[in-house]
C-alpha atoms as a PDB file:
ATOM      1  CA  MET A   1      43.228  50.160   6.782  1.00  0.00           C
ATOM      2  CA  PRO A   2      41.199  47.023   7.414  1.00  0.00           C
ATOM      3  CA  GLY A   3      38.202  48.957   8.772  1.00  0.00           C
ATOM      4  CA  ARG A   4      37.930  51.062   5.652  1.00  0.00           C
ATOM      5  CA  ARG A   5      38.105  48.003   3.370  1.00  0.00           C
ATOM      6  CA  ALA A   6      35.450  46.206   5.392  1.00  0.00           C
ATOM      7  CA  ALA A   7      33.141  49.230   5.169  1.00  0.00           C
ATOM      8  CA  ALA A   8      33.700  49.439   1.407  1.00  0.00           C
ATOM      9  CA  ARG A   9      32.890  45.702   0.996  1.00  0.00           C
ATOM     10  CA  LEU A  10      29.759  46.098   3.097  1.00  0.00           C
ATOM     11  CA  LEU A  11      28.638  49.114   1.070  1.00  0.00           C
ATOM     12  CA  ARG A  12      29.278  47.283  -2.232  1.00  0.00           C
ATOM     13  CA  GLY A  13      27.223  44.343  -0.931  1.00  0.00           C
ATOM     14  CA  TRP A  14      24.323  46.622  -0.041  1.00  0.00           C
ATOM     15  CA  LEU A  15      24.531  48.300  -3.440  1.00  0.00           C
ATOM     16  CA  ARG A  16      24.514  44.951  -5.267  1.00  0.00           C
ATOM     17  CA  SER A  17      21.683  43.481  -3.234  1.00  0.00           C
ATOM     18  CA  GLY A  18      19.614  46.623  -3.058  1.00  0.00           C
ATOM     19  CA  ALA A  19      19.260  46.038   0.688  1.00  0.00           C
ATOM     20  CA  TRP A  20      19.775  49.262   2.569  1.00  0.00           C
ATOM     21  CA  PRO A  21      19.554  48.468   6.292  1.00  0.00           C
ATOM     22  CA  TRP A  22      18.472  51.972   7.294  1.00  0.00           C
ATOM     23  CA  ILE A  23      15.777  52.441   4.656  1.00  0.00           C
ATOM     24  CA  GLU A  24      12.987  51.667   7.127  1.00  0.00           C
ATOM     25  CA  MET A  25      14.217  54.471   9.373  1.00  0.00           C
ATOM     26  CA  LEU A  26      13.723  56.888   6.455  1.00  0.00           C
ATOM     27  CA  ALA A  27      10.102  55.969   5.835  1.00  0.00           C
ATOM     28  CA  ILE A  28       7.887  58.742   7.143  1.00  0.00           C
ATOM     29  CA  ARG A  29       4.343  57.761   7.981  1.00  0.00           C
ATOM     30  CA  PRO A  30       1.539  60.102   6.834  1.00  0.00           C
ATOM     31  CA  ASP A  31       0.762  61.139  10.430  1.00  0.00           C
ATOM     32  CA  GLN A  32       4.446  62.021  10.975  1.00  0.00           C
ATOM     33  CA  MET A  33       4.481  64.073   7.775  1.00  0.00           C
ATOM     34  CA  ARG A  34       1.312  65.873   8.858  1.00  0.00           C
ATOM     35  CA  ASN A  35       2.893  66.684  12.247  1.00  0.00           C
ATOM     36  CA  PHE A  36       6.076  67.836  10.533  1.00  0.00           C
ATOM     37  CA  SER A  37       4.084  70.016   8.142  1.00  0.00           C
ATOM     38  CA  GLU A  38       2.099  71.513  11.008  1.00  0.00           C
ATOM     39  CA  ALA A  39       5.307  72.243  12.926  1.00  0.00           C
ATOM     40  CA  ALA A  40       6.900  73.842   9.852  1.00  0.00           C
ATOM     41  CA  LEU A  41       3.777  75.942   9.255  1.00  0.00           C
ATOM     42  CA  LYS A  42       3.749  77.070  12.902  1.00  0.00           C
ATOM     43  CA  GLN A  43       7.417  78.053  12.663  1.00  0.00           C
ATOM     44  CA  PHE A  44       6.751  80.000   9.444  1.00  0.00           C
ATOM     45  CA  GLU A  45       3.711  81.631  11.020  1.00  0.00           C
ATOM     46  CA  ASP A  46       5.784  82.718  14.055  1.00  0.00           C
ATOM     47  CA  MET A  47       8.442  84.188  11.756  1.00  0.00           C
ATOM     48  CA  MET A  48       5.800  86.032   9.729  1.00  0.00           C
ATOM     49  CA  VAL A  49       4.162  87.501  12.837  1.00  0.00           C
ATOM     50  CA  VAL A  50       7.505  89.077  13.761  1.00  0.00           C
ATOM     51  CA  HIS A  51       8.054  90.228  10.154  1.00  0.00           C
ATOM     52  CA  LEU A  52       4.597  91.785   9.789  1.00  0.00           C
ATOM     53  CA  ASN A  53       4.846  93.461  13.200  1.00  0.00           C
ATOM     54  CA  LYS A  54       8.118  95.031  12.079  1.00  0.00           C
ATOM     55  CA  PHE A  55       7.017  96.223   8.622  1.00  0.00           C
ATOM     56  CA  PHE A  56       3.277  96.816   9.169  1.00  0.00           C
ATOM     57  CA  PRO A  57       3.114  97.720  12.885  1.00  0.00           C
ATOM     58  CA  GLN A  58      -0.046  99.836  12.790  1.00  0.00           C
ATOM     59  CA  ARG A  59      -2.060  97.240  10.896  1.00  0.00           C
ATOM     60  CA  THR A  60      -0.910  94.292  12.996  1.00  0.00           C
ATOM     61  CA  LYS A  61      -1.453  96.150  16.257  1.00  0.00           C
ATOM     62  CA  ALA A  62      -4.966  97.150  15.204  1.00  0.00           C
ATOM     63  CA  ALA A  63      -5.837  93.603  14.097  1.00  0.00           C
ATOM     64  CA  GLY A  64      -4.321  91.723  17.055  1.00  0.00           C
ATOM     65  CA  GLU A  65      -2.163  88.601  16.907  1.00  0.00           C
ATOM     66  CA  PRO A  66      -4.930  85.978  16.471  1.00  0.00           C
ATOM     67  CA  THR A  67      -6.254  87.832  13.414  1.00  0.00           C
ATOM     68  CA  VAL A  68      -2.729  88.311  12.046  1.00  0.00           C
ATOM     69  CA  ARG A  69      -2.121  84.554  12.357  1.00  0.00           C
ATOM     70  CA  LYS A  70      -5.369  83.810  10.483  1.00  0.00           C
ATOM     71  CA  PHE A  71      -4.284  86.298   7.824  1.00  0.00           C
ATOM     72  CA  ILE A  72      -0.922  84.511   7.479  1.00  0.00           C
ATOM     73  CA  ARG A  73      -2.586  81.102   7.154  1.00  0.00           C
ATOM     74  CA  TYR A  74      -4.935  82.521   4.530  1.00  0.00           C
ATOM     75  CA  GLY A  75      -1.908  83.949   2.713  1.00  0.00           C
ATOM     76  CA  VAL A  76      -0.191  80.565   2.721  1.00  0.00           C
ATOM     77  CA  GLN A  77      -3.336  79.013   1.186  1.00  0.00           C
ATOM     78  CA  ARG A  78      -3.709  81.765  -1.434  1.00  0.00           C
ATOM     79  CA  ALA A  79      -0.039  81.510  -2.418  1.00  0.00           C
ATOM     80  CA  ALA A  80      -0.279  77.710  -2.626  1.00  0.00           C
ATOM     81  CA  SER A  81      -3.249  78.054  -4.973  1.00  0.00           C
ATOM     82  CA  TYR A  82      -0.746  79.592  -7.426  1.00  0.00           C
ATOM     83  CA  ASN A  83       1.851  76.917  -6.629  1.00  0.00           C
ATOM     84  CA  ILE A  84       3.900  79.412  -4.621  1.00  0.00           C
ATOM     85  CA  LYS A  85       5.335  77.381  -1.772  1.00  0.00           C
ATOM     86  CA  ALA A  86       8.890  78.547  -1.032  1.00  0.00           C
ATOM     87  CA  LYS A  87       9.044  80.444   2.269  1.00  0.00           C
ATOM     88  CA  ARG A  88      10.574  83.585   0.795  1.00  0.00           C
ATOM     89  CA  ALA A  89       8.039  83.725  -2.039  1.00  0.00           C
ATOM     90  CA  VAL A  90       5.109  83.088   0.324  1.00  0.00           C
ATOM     91  CA  SER A  91       6.425  85.788   2.636  1.00  0.00           C
ATOM     92  CA  ARG A  92       6.480  88.261  -0.244  1.00  0.00           C
ATOM     93  CA  TYR A  93       3.004  87.185  -1.319  1.00  0.00           C
ATOM     94  CA  ILE A  94       1.741  87.904   2.206  1.00  0.00           C
ATOM     95  CA  ASP A  95       3.506  91.295   2.127  1.00  0.00           C
ATOM     96  CA  LEU A  96       1.587  92.079  -1.069  1.00  0.00           C
ATOM     97  CA  MET A  97      -1.640  90.998   0.638  1.00  0.00           C
ATOM     98  CA  MET A  98      -0.866  93.322   3.529  1.00  0.00           C
ATOM     99  CA  SER A  99      -0.112  96.185   1.124  1.00  0.00           C
ATOM    100  CA  PHE A 100      -2.985  95.767  -1.338  1.00  0.00           C
ATOM    101  CA  GLY A 101      -5.594  93.667   0.470  1.00  0.00           C
ATOM    102  CA  ALA A 102      -6.085  89.991   1.227  1.00  0.00           C
ATOM    103  CA  ASP A 103      -7.563  89.250  -2.207  1.00  0.00           C
ATOM    104  CA  PHE A 104      -5.382  91.633  -4.215  1.00  0.00           C
ATOM    105  CA  ASP A 105      -5.051  88.943  -6.895  1.00  0.00           C
ATOM    106  CA  LYS A 106      -8.788  89.241  -7.637  1.00  0.00           C
ATOM    107  CA  SER A 107      -9.021  93.039  -7.416  1.00  0.00           C
ATOM    108  CA  LYS A 108     -10.432  94.974 -10.376  1.00  0.00           C
ATOM    109  CA  ARG A 109      -8.167  97.805  -9.225  1.00  0.00           C
ATOM    110  CA  LEU A 110      -5.082  95.602  -9.806  1.00  0.00           C
ATOM    111  CA  PRO A 111      -5.881  93.467 -12.865  1.00  0.00           C
ATOM    112  CA  TRP A 112      -2.167  92.971 -13.540  1.00  0.00           C
ATOM    113  CA  ALA A 113      -1.749  91.034 -10.285  1.00  0.00           C
ATOM    114  CA  GLY A 114      -4.052  88.170 -11.223  1.00  0.00           C
ATOM    115  CA  GLU A 115      -2.700  88.139 -14.774  1.00  0.00           C
ATOM    116  CA  ILE A 116       0.868  87.729 -13.519  1.00  0.00           C
ATOM    117  CA  LEU A 117      -0.089  85.015 -11.051  1.00  0.00           C
ATOM    118  CA  ARG A 118      -1.878  83.008 -13.745  1.00  0.00           C
ATOM    119  CA  THR A 119       1.112  82.930 -16.126  1.00  0.00           C
ATOM    120  CA  ARG A 120       3.109  79.746 -16.572  1.00  0.00           C
ATOM    121  CA  ASN A 121       6.309  81.342 -15.291  1.00  0.00           C
ATOM    122  CA  SER A 122       8.069  79.895 -12.263  1.00  0.00           C
ATOM    123  CA  PRO A 123       6.802  81.009  -8.849  1.00  0.00           C
ATOM    124  CA  GLU A 124       9.997  83.017  -8.290  1.00  0.00           C
ATOM    125  CA  VAL A 125       9.569  84.878 -11.590  1.00  0.00           C
ATOM    126  CA  ARG A 126       5.907  85.585 -10.870  1.00  0.00           C
ATOM    127  CA  ILE A 127       6.662  86.963  -7.399  1.00  0.00           C
ATOM    128  CA  SER A 128       9.512  89.173  -8.624  1.00  0.00           C
ATOM    129  CA  THR A 129       7.298  90.422 -11.494  1.00  0.00           C
ATOM    130  CA  LEU A 130       4.499  91.143  -9.013  1.00  0.00           C
ATOM    131  CA  LEU A 131       6.885  93.098  -6.800  1.00  0.00           C
ATOM    132  CA  ARG A 132       8.176  95.175  -9.727  1.00  0.00           C
ATOM    133  CA  ASN A 133       4.632  95.947 -10.857  1.00  0.00           C
ATOM    134  CA  ALA A 134       3.543  96.768  -7.302  1.00  0.00           C
ATOM    135  CA  ASP A 135       6.462  99.179  -6.976  1.00  0.00           C
ATOM    136  CA  ARG A 136       5.545 100.879 -10.267  1.00  0.00           C
ATOM    137  CA  TYR A 137       1.894 101.049  -9.202  1.00  0.00           C
ATOM    138  CA  LEU A 138       2.761 102.656  -5.860  1.00  0.00           C
ATOM    139  CA  LYS A 139       5.128 105.169  -7.471  1.00  0.00           C
ATOM    140  CA  GLY A 140       2.450 106.105 -10.006  1.00  0.00           C
ATOM    141  CA  ALA A 141      -0.366 106.270  -7.460  1.00  0.00           C
END
C-alpha cells in the first residue's frame, strides 16, 4: 500500500527531526486550563449534589442547595490539603464530612481521623482506612 508507506516515512521523519506538526494544538494556555478546571469542578459539584441529596436527604434539604454547593467546594479544598484529588476519594471524603462534621479531621472526638490523613500512605489507602475506622466507630457508638 503506497499510502501506508508514505505515512510511515512521514512519521519516521517527524520522529528523527523532533518536529511534531500538531504539538502546538496540544499546548493548553493557563486561562484554558483554568476554564477546564472550573468546568470539571462544576461537573463534580453537580454530581455530588445529586449524591448527597440521595444519601443525606434530610441534611441537604435543611441546608438548601447553595449551602450544599459551598460545603462541597470546602470538601474539595479540605481533601486537596491532604493531597486527595481523585474524584472517588474526594467524594468519600465529603461523605465523611457529612457524617462527622465539616472539620472531622480536626475533631478531638475523632483523633484517629487526623492521624490517618497525616500518614504518608497513598490517598486511596488513607481514604479506605478512614472508612474502615469510621465504620468501626459508628458500630461502637
